[in-house]
Amino acid sequence: MAGPAGAGRPLTVRTDLALGGRWTSLATPEREWLWRNPRVPDAERAAVAPGDAFVDAGGGEECFPTLNGPSDHGEVWSRPWVADGDEPGVDVAPVSAGGLALRRRLTADDGVVRARYAIDGPPGAAVLHAVHMLLDVGPGARLEVPGRPDVLVVEWPSRGQTVPSVWPDGDGVSFDVLGPDDGTARCAVVATDRVDIVDGADRLSLTWGVDPGFSAPVSFVVWRNLGGWPKDAPYRSIGVEPLLGGESNLDRAAPDRLAHLDADGRLSWWLEARASR
């Protein structure tokens, strides 16, 4: 259950269209919420081309039309986006497969950051879309969600496998408490439409859902890497990723865990971020 929020703080956002529409900043006057990986030079992220393996540079990456499988973190993170010349404030992501199109409108009004996504494509097409946010939070940070939603631990106990659970259990690790580095790395899909990230006096509140008239599952992916990945040179990274859908892998997911375009080939959803302290 989420605790009481403090006074609202104005939240701003910056993105880089040339680098896959990447979120490069989500900040209040007091702090930056997005983590940047110091091990990845800017030039390495800038050199990415479609089909390359994912570069874990940090920030917030748009992962569409899947997160894992059949393409590594989807197709749009590695392709330059363009601004829609006919609709100010709208960014367009190039998608090469499946006849799909993704558009994003990103605003920061009254201190609230809002992203609205519109997907077009073949009627009934299956998609997943994650906003892959890596967060700059300390070992005392915690995650708060309402109730005890279902959890699907993914790529565990080995790659390609899943384990069902209930929040906050991640088959032996507790997802609600991030904690100090302990050599573990665990990822899961959590069946909820909101999460609060609490780090000391600061709180980042995320909510998301599909627009009226559409129907699709929503959830978020939690990536709790406390120095357990990658095996050859592990480091710490914390991901909280609002998700259209209920799985991380388009190929593996059961039909009811996928988002499907409607009979007109459309689906839209939204994400809101608020900060307080």
Protein backbone atom coordinates (compact mmCIF):
# COMPACT_ATOMS: atom_id res chain seq x y z
CA MET A 1 0.00 0.00 0.00
CA ALA A 2 1.37 3.39 -0.98
CA GLY A 3 2.23 5.72 1.89
CA PRO A 4 1.31 9.39 2.16
CA ALA A 5 2.83 11.72 -0.41
CA GLY A 6 4.45 15.01 0.55
CA ALA A 7 4.20 18.32 -1.25
CA GLY A 8 4.19 18.08 -5.03
CA ARG A 9 7.40 19.05 -6.81
CA PRO A 10 7.56 20.22 -10.45
CA LEU A 11 8.78 17.46 -12.75
CA THR A 12 10.42 18.09 -16.12
CA VAL A 13 11.43 15.74 -18.95
CA ARG A 14 13.97 15.77 -21.76
CA THR A 15 14.33 13.33 -24.64
CA ASP A 16 16.68 12.65 -27.54
CA LEU A 17 14.79 11.90 -30.74
CA ALA A 18 17.96 10.98 -32.60
CA LEU A 19 18.62 8.21 -30.11
CA GLY A 20 15.39 6.28 -30.29
CA GLY A 21 13.24 8.89 -28.54
CA ARG A 22 15.20 8.11 -25.37
CA TRP A 23 14.19 9.85 -22.13
CA THR A 24 17.42 11.54 -21.01
CA SER A 25 16.09 13.36 -17.93
CA LEU A 26 13.15 13.16 -15.53
CA ALA A 27 13.94 15.68 -12.83
CA THR A 28 12.70 17.96 -10.10
CA PRO A 29 14.66 21.04 -8.95
CA GLU A 30 16.15 18.85 -6.22
CA ARG A 31 17.14 15.69 -8.09
CA GLU A 32 17.41 13.62 -11.26
CA TRP A 33 15.37 10.40 -11.22
CA LEU A 34 16.90 8.69 -14.26
CA TRP A 35 20.16 6.79 -13.90
CA ARG A 36 22.95 7.01 -16.43
CA ASN A 37 25.34 4.07 -16.81
CA PRO A 38 28.88 5.43 -16.34
CA ARG A 39 30.29 2.35 -18.07
CA VAL A 40 28.69 3.23 -21.41
CA PRO A 41 30.28 6.14 -23.28
CA ASP A 42 27.97 8.50 -25.15
CA ALA A 43 29.62 7.46 -28.39
CA GLU A 44 28.69 3.81 -27.86
CA ARG A 45 24.99 4.62 -27.44
CA ALA A 46 25.10 7.05 -30.38
CA ALA A 47 26.62 4.40 -32.67
CA VAL A 48 23.72 1.95 -32.25
CA ALA A 49 22.10 0.70 -35.47
CA PRO A 50 18.92 -1.36 -35.97
CA GLY A 51 19.57 -4.99 -35.12
CA ASP A 52 22.34 -4.27 -32.62
CA ALA A 53 22.31 -5.81 -29.16
CA PHE A 54 20.82 -3.57 -26.48
CA VAL A 55 23.17 -0.95 -25.06
CA ASP A 56 22.42 -0.42 -21.38
CA ALA A 57 23.15 3.31 -21.29
CA GLY A 58 20.48 4.20 -18.73
CA GLY A 59 17.76 6.80 -19.01
CA GLY A 60 14.40 5.72 -20.34
CA GLU A 61 14.26 3.63 -23.51
CA GLU A 62 11.10 3.01 -25.55
CA CYS A 63 10.80 -0.76 -26.09
CA PHE A 64 8.27 -1.65 -28.81
CA PRO A 65 6.75 -3.95 -30.09
CA THR A 66 8.39 -6.18 -27.47
CA LEU A 67 10.81 -5.98 -24.59
CA ASN A 68 12.55 -9.34 -25.01
CA GLY A 69 12.24 -11.64 -28.00
CA PRO A 70 12.00 -11.66 -30.94
CA SER A 71 14.14 -8.49 -30.98
CA ASP A 72 16.41 -7.28 -28.17
CA HIS A 73 14.37 -4.59 -26.37
CA GLY A 74 12.26 -4.07 -29.46
CA GLU A 75 12.89 -2.09 -32.62
CA VAL A 76 12.36 1.58 -31.89
CA TRP A 77 15.08 2.26 -29.27
CA SER A 78 17.77 1.79 -31.93
CA ARG A 79 16.20 3.96 -34.66
CA PRO A 80 16.07 7.75 -34.93
CA TRP A 81 12.65 9.21 -34.24
CA VAL A 82 11.26 12.25 -36.00
CA ALA A 83 9.00 15.09 -34.92
CA ASP A 84 5.62 15.19 -36.63
CA GLY A 85 5.69 18.37 -38.69
CA ASP A 86 1.89 18.52 -38.81
CA GLU A 87 1.26 17.94 -35.10
CA PRO A 88 3.53 19.89 -32.71
CA GLY A 89 4.72 17.94 -29.69
CA VAL A 90 4.20 14.54 -31.31
CA ASP A 91 7.16 12.22 -31.97
CA VAL A 92 7.02 9.38 -34.46
CA ALA A 93 8.95 6.13 -34.07
CA PRO A 94 9.93 4.18 -37.20
CA VAL A 95 8.94 0.50 -36.94
CA SER A 96 10.14 -1.87 -39.65
CA ALA A 97 8.17 -5.02 -38.86
CA GLY A 98 4.53 -5.99 -38.77
CA GLY A 99 3.09 -2.87 -40.41
CA LEU A 100 3.01 -1.10 -37.03
CA ALA A 101 3.30 2.61 -36.27
CA LEU A 102 3.98 4.25 -32.88
CA ARG A 103 3.43 7.90 -31.99
CA ARG A 104 4.17 9.67 -28.69
CA ARG A 105 3.01 13.01 -27.30
CA LEU A 106 5.09 14.03 -24.29
CA THR A 107 4.20 17.05 -22.13
CA ALA A 108 5.12 18.54 -18.75
CA ASP A 109 2.21 20.70 -17.59
CA ASP A 110 1.62 21.85 -14.00
CA GLY A 111 4.64 19.83 -12.90
CA VAL A 112 3.19 16.52 -14.20
CA VAL A 113 4.88 14.64 -17.03
CA ARG A 114 2.39 12.93 -19.35
CA ALA A 115 3.12 10.57 -22.23
CA ARG A 116 0.37 9.54 -24.60
CA TYR A 117 1.00 6.73 -27.06
CA ALA A 118 -0.95 5.83 -30.20
CA ILE A 119 -0.34 2.55 -32.03
CA ASP A 120 -1.65 1.76 -35.51
CA GLY A 121 -1.34 -1.42 -37.51
CA PRO A 122 -3.13 -4.55 -38.67
CA PRO A 123 -6.36 -5.27 -36.77
CA GLY A 124 -5.73 -7.72 -33.93
CA ALA A 125 -1.94 -7.37 -34.07
CA ALA A 126 -0.23 -8.31 -30.80
CA VAL A 127 2.21 -5.88 -29.18
CA LEU A 128 4.07 -5.12 -25.98
CA HIS A 129 5.35 -1.63 -25.14
CA ALA A 130 7.57 -0.82 -22.16
CA VAL A 131 8.95 2.53 -21.06
CA HIS A 132 12.26 1.13 -19.83
CA MET A 133 13.21 3.57 -17.04
CA LEU A 134 16.42 2.98 -15.12
CA LEU A 135 16.34 4.90 -11.87
CA ASP A 136 19.01 6.71 -9.87
CA VAL A 137 18.02 5.55 -6.38
CA GLY A 138 19.95 4.45 -3.32
CA PRO A 139 19.99 1.13 -1.44
CA GLY A 140 17.36 2.44 0.97
CA ALA A 141 14.81 3.00 -1.78
CA ARG A 142 11.60 0.98 -1.89
CA LEU A 143 8.73 0.30 -4.27
CA GLU A 144 5.11 0.65 -3.15
CA VAL A 145 2.15 -0.83 -5.01
CA PRO A 146 -1.45 -1.24 -3.85
CA GLY A 147 -2.45 -4.67 -2.58
CA ARG A 148 -0.68 -7.91 -3.50
CA PRO A 149 -0.83 -8.17 -7.29
CA ASP A 150 0.28 -11.19 -9.28
CA VAL A 151 3.95 -11.33 -10.22
CA LEU A 152 5.55 -13.25 -13.08
CA VAL A 153 9.28 -13.68 -12.52
CA VAL A 154 10.82 -13.87 -16.00
CA GLU A 155 13.99 -15.48 -17.32
CA TRP A 156 14.10 -17.42 -14.07
CA PRO A 157 15.34 -19.84 -12.83
CA SER A 158 17.00 -19.95 -16.24
CA ARG A 159 16.67 -18.06 -19.49
CA GLY A 160 13.30 -18.62 -21.17
CA GLN A 161 11.56 -19.80 -18.00
CA THR A 162 9.05 -18.03 -15.76
CA VAL A 163 7.83 -18.46 -12.17
CA PRO A 164 4.46 -17.13 -10.90
CA SER A 165 4.41 -15.36 -7.57
CA VAL A 166 2.63 -12.63 -5.60
CA TRP A 167 3.97 -9.18 -4.72
CA PRO A 168 6.49 -8.53 -3.29
CA ASP A 169 8.01 -12.03 -3.58
CA GLY A 170 10.34 -12.61 -6.50
CA ASP A 171 10.93 -16.30 -5.84
CA GLY A 172 13.30 -15.64 -2.99
CA VAL A 173 14.00 -11.93 -3.29
CA SER A 174 11.77 -9.09 -2.12
CA PHE A 175 11.02 -6.66 -4.93
CA ASP A 176 9.67 -3.91 -2.68
CA VAL A 177 13.00 -3.36 -0.89
CA LEU A 178 15.92 -2.62 -3.17
CA GLY A 179 18.71 -2.90 -0.61
CA PRO A 180 22.50 -2.98 -0.90
CA ASP A 181 24.35 -4.99 -3.51
CA ASP A 182 24.08 -8.71 -2.79
CA GLY A 183 25.02 -10.33 -6.10
CA THR A 184 21.44 -11.06 -7.21
CA ALA A 185 19.61 -10.01 -10.36
CA ARG A 186 15.91 -10.68 -10.84
CA CYS A 187 13.27 -9.40 -13.27
CA ALA A 188 9.47 -9.67 -13.07
CA VAL A 189 6.22 -8.41 -14.52
CA VAL A 190 3.86 -7.01 -11.87
CA ALA A 191 0.12 -6.85 -12.63
CA THR A 192 -0.73 -3.31 -11.50
CA ASP A 193 -1.31 0.13 -13.05
CA ARG A 194 0.66 2.18 -10.52
CA VAL A 195 3.85 2.19 -8.50
CA ASP A 196 5.53 4.66 -6.16
CA ILE A 197 9.32 4.80 -5.96
CA VAL A 198 10.36 6.17 -2.56
CA ASP A 199 13.97 7.25 -2.03
CA GLY A 200 14.52 9.07 1.24
CA ALA A 201 12.29 12.14 1.31
CA ASP A 202 11.53 11.90 -2.41
CA ARG A 203 8.69 10.05 -4.11
CA LEU A 204 8.09 9.40 -7.82
CA SER A 205 4.54 8.25 -8.54
CA LEU A 206 3.81 6.51 -11.85
CA THR A 207 0.35 5.62 -13.14
CA TRP A 208 -0.68 4.32 -16.56
CA GLY A 209 -3.53 2.70 -18.47
CA VAL A 210 -5.26 2.30 -21.80
CA ASP A 211 -7.51 5.03 -23.15
CA PRO A 212 -11.31 4.71 -22.94
CA GLY A 213 -12.70 2.52 -25.68
CA PHE A 214 -9.70 0.17 -25.70
CA SER A 215 -9.00 -2.99 -23.75
CA ALA A 216 -5.55 -4.42 -22.95
CA PRO A 217 -3.63 -5.66 -19.92
CA VAL A 218 -1.18 -3.29 -18.24
CA SER A 219 1.57 -3.93 -15.71
CA PHE A 220 5.13 -2.91 -14.99
CA VAL A 221 8.48 -4.62 -15.24
CA VAL A 222 10.79 -4.43 -12.24
CA TRP A 223 14.49 -5.06 -12.83
CA ARG A 224 16.33 -5.50 -9.53
CA ASN A 225 20.00 -5.93 -10.39
CA LEU A 226 22.05 -5.69 -7.21
CA GLY A 227 25.39 -6.48 -8.77
CA GLY A 228 24.28 -9.81 -10.20
CA TRP A 229 24.41 -9.04 -13.93
CA PRO A 230 26.19 -9.33 -16.31
CA LYS A 231 28.25 -12.24 -15.10
CA ASP A 232 31.57 -11.04 -16.49
CA ALA A 233 31.35 -7.48 -15.12
CA PRO A 234 28.32 -7.04 -12.84
CA TYR A 235 27.04 -3.65 -11.74
CA ARG A 236 23.98 -2.21 -10.03
CA SER A 237 20.92 -1.06 -11.98
CA ILE A 238 17.28 -0.61 -10.98
CA GLY A 239 14.51 -0.58 -13.57
CA VAL A 240 10.84 0.32 -13.19
CA GLU A 241 9.14 0.02 -16.58
CA PRO A 242 5.44 0.79 -17.12
CA LEU A 243 4.19 -1.78 -19.61
CA LEU A 244 1.36 -2.12 -22.08
CA GLY A 245 0.83 -5.87 -21.79
CA GLY A 246 1.49 -8.49 -19.15
CA GLU A 247 4.70 -10.23 -20.28
CA SER A 248 8.17 -9.22 -21.40
CA ASN A 249 8.53 -11.57 -24.38
CA LEU A 250 6.23 -11.31 -27.40
CA ASP A 251 7.06 -14.83 -28.57
CA ARG A 252 6.50 -16.51 -25.20
CA ALA A 253 3.45 -14.64 -23.92
CA ALA A 254 0.03 -16.23 -23.66
CA PRO A 255 -2.59 -14.36 -25.73
CA ASP A 256 -4.24 -12.84 -22.66
CA ARG A 257 -0.93 -11.26 -21.62
CA LEU A 258 -0.53 -9.43 -24.93
CA ALA A 259 -2.06 -6.13 -25.99
CA HIS A 260 -4.02 -6.39 -29.23
CA LEU A 261 -4.99 -3.68 -31.68
CA ASP A 262 -8.74 -3.29 -32.09
CA ALA A 263 -10.85 -4.05 -35.16
CA ASP A 264 -9.79 -0.73 -36.69
CA GLY A 265 -6.12 -1.44 -36.10
CA ARG A 266 -5.71 1.05 -33.24
CA LEU A 267 -4.70 1.09 -29.58
CA SER A 268 -3.69 3.99 -27.34
CA TRP A 269 -2.41 4.26 -23.79
CA TRP A 270 -0.98 6.83 -21.40
CA LEU A 271 1.62 7.25 -18.65
CA GLU A 272 1.78 9.96 -15.96
CA ALA A 273 4.65 10.78 -13.60
CA ARG A 274 4.36 12.97 -10.50
CA ALA A 275 6.99 13.87 -7.91
CA SER A 276 6.68 14.87 -4.27
CA ARG A 277 8.76 15.28 -1.13
